[in-house]
């Protein structure tokens, strides 16, 4: 039982600050501005499900992450006259948007995946404690997914509570951080690639 609690606590405390559903909620809201609250809740549940799956998969995405952040940084503030405009979407559109770019790279990016794999690699891989480690990882992933759902599904209420100015500041800061993280990931990837070429490094 101690191993179960340790694994769950370790995964949640390591991944929650990186996934950062509270910080990503304004970005999610800006990307789904023309969807209805009901459609955003459907998206949120699918993103949460996708996040659980992606936490244990190693992928690259620095360029996509940086370009997403850069696009949001350059994006003009929303015209307040369009706040009540709603576009009609179907279930297929919601499914596509739920995975890319809202799950990957916005919610679960390379950083989250790398941390999850590192945690898994350092857990016990033999004996009965391994079962507790696996169950703890699943519980931790579900807790992270639940926090993602709550923050995203009610992002519109969060926006109303904080106000337009605060949401705009949070979105710009989050976008800038996305660019910085993406550039760092690209730099790390290029450095590794150059080191693998004989005579260059």
C-alpha atoms as a PDB file:
ATOM      1  CA  UNK A   1       0.000   0.000   0.000  1.00  0.00           C
ATOM      2  CA  UNK A   2       2.878   2.360   0.783  1.00  0.00           C
ATOM      3  CA  UNK A   3       4.312   1.747  -2.704  1.00  0.00           C
ATOM      4  CA  UNK A   4       0.909   2.481  -4.256  1.00  0.00           C
ATOM      5  CA  UNK A   5       0.621   5.812  -2.436  1.00  0.00           C
ATOM      6  CA  UNK A   6       4.238   6.671  -3.230  1.00  0.00           C
ATOM      7  CA  UNK A   7       3.824   5.973  -6.954  1.00  0.00           C
ATOM      8  CA  UNK A   8       0.575   7.929  -7.161  1.00  0.00           C
ATOM      9  CA  UNK A   9       1.946  10.898  -5.222  1.00  0.00           C
ATOM     10  CA  UNK A  10       5.182  10.952  -7.212  1.00  0.00           C
ATOM     11  CA  UNK A  11       3.407  10.937 -10.577  1.00  0.00           C
ATOM     12  CA  UNK A  12       0.881  13.605  -9.614  1.00  0.00           C
ATOM     13  CA  UNK A  13       3.444  15.963  -8.046  1.00  0.00           C
ATOM     14  CA  UNK A  14       5.865  15.554 -10.957  1.00  0.00           C
ATOM     15  CA  UNK A  15       3.343  15.913 -13.783  1.00  0.00           C
ATOM     16  CA  UNK A  16       0.767  18.384 -12.472  1.00  0.00           C
ATOM     17  CA  UNK A  17       3.073  21.449 -12.704  1.00  0.00           C
ATOM     18  CA  UNK A  18       4.144  20.442 -16.235  1.00  0.00           C
ATOM     19  CA  UNK A  19       0.675  19.600 -17.560  1.00  0.00           C
ATOM     20  CA  UNK A  20      -0.539  22.747 -15.742  1.00  0.00           C
ATOM     21  CA  UNK A  21      -4.249  22.512 -16.560  1.00  0.00           C
ATOM     22  CA  UNK A  22      -4.980  25.812 -14.799  1.00  0.00           C
ATOM     23  CA  UNK A  23      -2.414  27.654 -16.903  1.00  0.00           C
ATOM     24  CA  UNK A  24      -3.545  25.918 -20.090  1.00  0.00           C
ATOM     25  CA  UNK A  25      -7.241  26.650 -19.514  1.00  0.00           C
ATOM     26  CA  UNK A  26      -7.026  30.171 -21.036  1.00  0.00           C
ATOM     27  CA  UNK A  27      -5.255  28.761 -24.104  1.00  0.00           C
ATOM     28  CA  UNK A  28      -7.881  26.039 -24.395  1.00  0.00           C
ATOM     29  CA  UNK A  29     -10.638  28.643 -24.148  1.00  0.00           C
ATOM     30  CA  UNK A  30      -9.051  30.852 -26.810  1.00  0.00           C
ATOM     31  CA  UNK A  31      -8.700  27.888 -29.194  1.00  0.00           C
ATOM     32  CA  UNK A  32     -12.311  26.803 -28.625  1.00  0.00           C
ATOM     33  CA  UNK A  33     -13.861  30.265 -28.357  1.00  0.00           C
ATOM     34  CA  UNK A  34     -16.579  29.597 -30.925  1.00  0.00           C
ATOM     35  CA  UNK A  35     -17.672  26.287 -29.412  1.00  0.00           C
ATOM     36  CA  UNK A  36     -20.611  26.018 -27.062  1.00  0.00           C
ATOM     37  CA  UNK A  37     -20.062  25.053 -23.386  1.00  0.00           C
ATOM     38  CA  UNK A  38     -21.526  21.602 -24.096  1.00  0.00           C
ATOM     39  CA  UNK A  39     -19.088  21.043 -26.976  1.00  0.00           C
ATOM     40  CA  UNK A  40     -16.191  22.228 -24.809  1.00  0.00           C
ATOM     41  CA  UNK A  41     -17.173  19.654 -22.185  1.00  0.00           C
ATOM     42  CA  UNK A  42     -17.141  16.919 -24.838  1.00  0.00           C
ATOM     43  CA  UNK A  43     -13.710  18.104 -25.974  1.00  0.00           C
ATOM     44  CA  UNK A  44     -12.508  18.224 -22.364  1.00  0.00           C
ATOM     45  CA  UNK A  45     -13.505  14.629 -21.671  1.00  0.00           C
ATOM     46  CA  UNK A  46     -11.768  13.412 -24.832  1.00  0.00           C
ATOM     47  CA  UNK A  47      -8.648  15.440 -24.076  1.00  0.00           C
ATOM     48  CA  UNK A  48      -8.561  13.956 -20.572  1.00  0.00           C
ATOM     49  CA  UNK A  49      -8.835  10.441 -22.037  1.00  0.00           C
ATOM     50  CA  UNK A  50      -6.132  11.144 -24.613  1.00  0.00           C
ATOM     51  CA  UNK A  51      -3.891  12.606 -21.917  1.00  0.00           C
ATOM     52  CA  UNK A  52      -3.907   9.345 -19.960  1.00  0.00           C
ATOM     53  CA  UNK A  53      -2.785   7.477 -23.072  1.00  0.00           C
ATOM     54  CA  UNK A  54      -0.129   9.991 -24.084  1.00  0.00           C
ATOM     55  CA  UNK A  55       1.484  10.264 -20.649  1.00  0.00           C
ATOM     56  CA  UNK A  56       3.204   6.918 -21.301  1.00  0.00           C
ATOM     57  CA  UNK A  57       4.282   7.555 -24.902  1.00  0.00           C
ATOM     58  CA  UNK A  58       7.593   9.176 -25.913  1.00  0.00           C
ATOM     59  CA  UNK A  59       7.148  11.595 -28.784  1.00  0.00           C
ATOM     60  CA  UNK A  60       8.796  14.713 -30.102  1.00  0.00           C
ATOM     61  CA  UNK A  61       6.931  17.912 -30.678  1.00  0.00           C
ATOM     62  CA  UNK A  62       9.165  20.896 -30.031  1.00  0.00           C
ATOM     63  CA  UNK A  63       8.516  22.509 -33.396  1.00  0.00           C
ATOM     64  CA  UNK A  64       4.747  22.083 -33.122  1.00  0.00           C
ATOM     65  CA  UNK A  65       4.816  23.394 -29.551  1.00  0.00           C
ATOM     66  CA  UNK A  66       6.850  26.448 -30.486  1.00  0.00           C
ATOM     67  CA  UNK A  67       4.716  27.225 -33.543  1.00  0.00           C
ATOM     68  CA  UNK A  68       1.499  26.915 -31.507  1.00  0.00           C
ATOM     69  CA  UNK A  69       2.813  29.295 -28.870  1.00  0.00           C
ATOM     70  CA  UNK A  70       4.078  31.729 -31.522  1.00  0.00           C
ATOM     71  CA  UNK A  71       0.722  31.735 -33.313  1.00  0.00           C
ATOM     72  CA  UNK A  72      -1.064  32.501 -30.050  1.00  0.00           C
ATOM     73  CA  UNK A  73       1.413  35.274 -29.216  1.00  0.00           C
ATOM     74  CA  UNK A  74       0.753  36.948 -32.579  1.00  0.00           C
ATOM     75  CA  UNK A  75      -2.993  36.447 -32.335  1.00  0.00           C
ATOM     76  CA  UNK A  76      -4.960  39.681 -31.996  1.00  0.00           C
ATOM     77  CA  UNK A  77      -7.276  40.141 -29.051  1.00  0.00           C
ATOM     78  CA  UNK A  78     -10.756  38.825 -29.708  1.00  0.00           C
ATOM     79  CA  UNK A  79     -13.308  41.286 -30.967  1.00  0.00           C
ATOM     80  CA  UNK A  80     -15.841  41.630 -28.149  1.00  0.00           C
ATOM     81  CA  UNK A  81     -18.639  41.934 -30.718  1.00  0.00           C
ATOM     82  CA  UNK A  82     -17.992  38.296 -31.679  1.00  0.00           C
ATOM     83  CA  UNK A  83     -18.238  36.819 -28.198  1.00  0.00           C
ATOM     84  CA  UNK A  84     -21.673  35.344 -28.835  1.00  0.00           C
ATOM     85  CA  UNK A  85     -20.874  33.974 -32.293  1.00  0.00           C
ATOM     86  CA  UNK A  86     -21.077  30.198 -32.449  1.00  0.00           C
ATOM     87  CA  UNK A  87     -20.059  27.949 -35.294  1.00  0.00           C
ATOM     88  CA  UNK A  88     -21.677  24.575 -35.877  1.00  0.00           C
ATOM     89  CA  UNK A  89     -19.369  21.589 -35.516  1.00  0.00           C
ATOM     90  CA  UNK A  90     -19.915  17.864 -35.805  1.00  0.00           C
ATOM     91  CA  UNK A  91     -18.619  14.964 -33.708  1.00  0.00           C
ATOM     92  CA  UNK A  92     -15.779  14.215 -36.149  1.00  0.00           C
ATOM     93  CA  UNK A  93     -14.495  17.781 -35.892  1.00  0.00           C
ATOM     94  CA  UNK A  94     -14.556  17.562 -32.084  1.00  0.00           C
ATOM     95  CA  UNK A  95     -12.655  14.254 -32.169  1.00  0.00           C
ATOM     96  CA  UNK A  96      -9.937  15.657 -34.446  1.00  0.00           C
ATOM     97  CA  UNK A  97      -9.537  18.820 -32.389  1.00  0.00           C
ATOM     98  CA  UNK A  98      -9.523  16.855 -29.134  1.00  0.00           C
ATOM     99  CA  UNK A  99      -6.307  15.068 -30.077  1.00  0.00           C
ATOM    100  CA  UNK A 100      -4.371  17.669 -32.073  1.00  0.00           C
ATOM    101  CA  UNK A 101      -3.560  20.305 -31.015  1.00  0.00           C
ATOM    102  CA  UNK A 102      -5.567  20.328 -27.784  1.00  0.00           C
ATOM    103  CA  UNK A 103      -4.189  17.117 -26.249  1.00  0.00           C
ATOM    104  CA  UNK A 104      -0.845  17.083 -28.031  1.00  0.00           C
ATOM    105  CA  UNK A 105       1.028  19.371 -27.674  1.00  0.00           C
ATOM    106  CA  UNK A 106      -1.100  21.822 -25.611  1.00  0.00           C
ATOM    107  CA  UNK A 107      -1.960  19.551 -22.687  1.00  0.00           C
ATOM    108  CA  UNK A 108       0.454  16.621 -22.771  1.00  0.00           C
ATOM    109  CA  UNK A 109       3.625  17.642 -24.539  1.00  0.00           C
ATOM    110  CA  UNK A 110       7.123  16.169 -24.810  1.00  0.00           C
ATOM    111  CA  UNK A 111       8.041  17.421 -21.334  1.00  0.00           C
ATOM    112  CA  UNK A 112       5.160  15.593 -19.660  1.00  0.00           C
ATOM    113  CA  UNK A 113       5.839  12.428 -21.609  1.00  0.00           C
ATOM    114  CA  UNK A 114       9.562  12.496 -20.810  1.00  0.00           C
ATOM    115  CA  UNK A 115       8.875  12.932 -17.098  1.00  0.00           C
ATOM    116  CA  UNK A 116       6.330  10.085 -17.147  1.00  0.00           C
ATOM    117  CA  UNK A 117       8.807   7.739 -18.856  1.00  0.00           C
ATOM    118  CA  UNK A 118      11.580   8.722 -16.446  1.00  0.00           C
ATOM    119  CA  UNK A 119       9.322   8.001 -13.485  1.00  0.00           C
ATOM    120  CA  UNK A 120       8.352   4.632 -14.956  1.00  0.00           C
ATOM    121  CA  UNK A 121      11.958   3.684 -15.652  1.00  0.00           C
ATOM    122  CA  UNK A 122      12.945   4.374 -12.050  1.00  0.00           C
ATOM    123  CA  UNK A 123      10.113   2.378 -10.470  1.00  0.00           C
ATOM    124  CA  UNK A 124      10.578  -1.160  -9.191  1.00  0.00           C
ATOM    125  CA  UNK A 125      10.248  -3.703 -11.998  1.00  0.00           C
ATOM    126  CA  UNK A 126      10.180  -6.932 -10.041  1.00  0.00           C
ATOM    127  CA  UNK A 127       8.240  -8.561  -7.269  1.00  0.00           C
ATOM    128  CA  UNK A 128       4.820  -7.709  -5.905  1.00  0.00           C
ATOM    129  CA  UNK A 129       5.702  -4.009  -5.547  1.00  0.00           C
ATOM    130  CA  UNK A 130       5.559  -3.644  -9.322  1.00  0.00           C
ATOM    131  CA  UNK A 131       1.783  -4.133  -9.240  1.00  0.00           C
ATOM    132  CA  UNK A 132       1.459  -1.246  -6.789  1.00  0.00           C
ATOM    133  CA  UNK A 133       3.667   0.923  -8.982  1.00  0.00           C
ATOM    134  CA  UNK A 134       1.482   0.230 -12.024  1.00  0.00           C
ATOM    135  CA  UNK A 135      -1.770   0.857 -10.154  1.00  0.00           C
ATOM    136  CA  UNK A 136      -0.283   4.008  -8.602  1.00  0.00           C
ATOM    137  CA  UNK A 137       0.710   5.291 -12.056  1.00  0.00           C
ATOM    138  CA  UNK A 138      -2.803   4.642 -13.373  1.00  0.00           C
ATOM    139  CA  UNK A 139      -4.427   6.413 -10.404  1.00  0.00           C
ATOM    140  CA  UNK A 140      -2.038   9.343 -10.741  1.00  0.00           C
ATOM    141  CA  UNK A 141      -2.748   9.616 -14.472  1.00  0.00           C
ATOM    142  CA  UNK A 142      -6.490   9.564 -13.811  1.00  0.00           C
ATOM    143  CA  UNK A 143      -6.135  12.338 -11.211  1.00  0.00           C
ATOM    144  CA  UNK A 144      -4.203  14.465 -13.702  1.00  0.00           C
ATOM    145  CA  UNK A 145      -6.837  13.758 -16.369  1.00  0.00           C
ATOM    146  CA  UNK A 146      -9.614  14.723 -13.930  1.00  0.00           C
ATOM    147  CA  UNK A 147      -7.894  18.050 -13.225  1.00  0.00           C
ATOM    148  CA  UNK A 148      -7.548  18.652 -16.980  1.00  0.00           C
ATOM    149  CA  UNK A 149     -11.248  17.971 -17.508  1.00  0.00           C
ATOM    150  CA  UNK A 150     -12.364  20.276 -14.692  1.00  0.00           C
ATOM    151  CA  UNK A 151     -10.118  23.170 -15.754  1.00  0.00           C
ATOM    152  CA  UNK A 152     -10.981  22.874 -19.447  1.00  0.00           C
ATOM    153  CA  UNK A 153     -14.688  22.094 -19.133  1.00  0.00           C
ATOM    154  CA  UNK A 154     -15.233  25.155 -16.961  1.00  0.00           C
ATOM    155  CA  UNK A 155     -12.664  27.433 -18.642  1.00  0.00           C
ATOM    156  CA  UNK A 156     -15.431  29.884 -19.585  1.00  0.00           C
ATOM    157  CA  UNK A 157     -16.448  30.275 -15.930  1.00  0.00           C
ATOM    158  CA  UNK A 158     -12.804  30.719 -14.968  1.00  0.00           C
ATOM    159  CA  UNK A 159     -12.514  33.441 -17.613  1.00  0.00           C
ATOM    160  CA  UNK A 160     -15.559  35.263 -16.250  1.00  0.00           C
ATOM    161  CA  UNK A 161     -14.209  35.039 -12.695  1.00  0.00           C
ATOM    162  CA  UNK A 162     -10.769  36.393 -13.615  1.00  0.00           C
ATOM    163  CA  UNK A 163     -11.905  39.008 -16.126  1.00  0.00           C
ATOM    164  CA  UNK A 164     -10.739  39.754 -19.672  1.00  0.00           C
ATOM    165  CA  UNK A 165      -7.509  41.526 -18.702  1.00  0.00           C
ATOM    166  CA  UNK A 166      -6.259  38.777 -16.387  1.00  0.00           C
ATOM    167  CA  UNK A 167      -7.151  36.067 -18.924  1.00  0.00           C
ATOM    168  CA  UNK A 168      -5.332  37.952 -21.681  1.00  0.00           C
ATOM    169  CA  UNK A 169      -2.209  38.309 -19.519  1.00  0.00           C
ATOM    170  CA  UNK A 170      -2.280  34.620 -18.537  1.00  0.00           C
ATOM    171  CA  UNK A 171      -2.753  33.573 -22.176  1.00  0.00           C
ATOM    172  CA  UNK A 172       0.163  35.716 -23.388  1.00  0.00           C
ATOM    173  CA  UNK A 173       2.457  34.443 -20.635  1.00  0.00           C
ATOM    174  CA  UNK A 174       1.458  30.836 -21.309  1.00  0.00           C
ATOM    175  CA  UNK A 175       2.025  31.345 -25.038  1.00  0.00           C
ATOM    176  CA  UNK A 176       5.480  32.794 -24.384  1.00  0.00           C
ATOM    177  CA  UNK A 177       6.344  29.820 -22.172  1.00  0.00           C
ATOM    178  CA  UNK A 178       5.200  27.457 -24.946  1.00  0.00           C
ATOM    179  CA  UNK A 179       7.559  29.183 -27.365  1.00  0.00           C
ATOM    180  CA  UNK A 180      10.463  28.971 -24.889  1.00  0.00           C
ATOM    181  CA  UNK A 181       9.835  25.294 -24.148  1.00  0.00           C
ATOM    182  CA  UNK A 182       9.499  24.508 -27.842  1.00  0.00           C
ATOM    183  CA  UNK A 183      12.764  26.284 -28.687  1.00  0.00           C
ATOM    184  CA  UNK A 184      14.539  24.397 -25.887  1.00  0.00           C
ATOM    185  CA  UNK A 185      13.205  21.070 -27.169  1.00  0.00           C
ATOM    186  CA  UNK A 186      14.286  21.924 -30.727  1.00  0.00           C
ATOM    187  CA  UNK A 187      17.742  22.964 -29.477  1.00  0.00           C
ATOM    188  CA  UNK A 188      18.160  19.729 -27.502  1.00  0.00           C
ATOM    189  CA  UNK A 189      17.094  17.683 -30.512  1.00  0.00           C
ATOM    190  CA  UNK A 190      19.429  19.504 -32.892  1.00  0.00           C
ATOM    191  CA  UNK A 191      22.325  19.198 -30.420  1.00  0.00           C
ATOM    192  CA  UNK A 192      21.806  15.442 -30.166  1.00  0.00           C
ATOM    193  CA  UNK A 193      21.536  15.161 -33.950  1.00  0.00           C
ATOM    194  CA  UNK A 194      24.744  17.141 -34.553  1.00  0.00           C
ATOM    195  CA  UNK A 195      26.624  15.077 -31.954  1.00  0.00           C
ATOM    196  CA  UNK A 196      25.671  11.917 -33.833  1.00  0.00           C
ATOM    197  CA  UNK A 197      27.334  13.188 -37.044  1.00  0.00           C
ATOM    198  CA  UNK A 198      31.051  12.277 -37.094  1.00  0.00           C
ATOM    199  CA  UNK A 199      33.449  15.219 -37.301  1.00  0.00           C
ATOM    200  CA  UNK A 200      30.911  17.922 -36.407  1.00  0.00           C
ATOM    201  CA  UNK A 201      31.200  17.833 -32.633  1.00  0.00           C
END
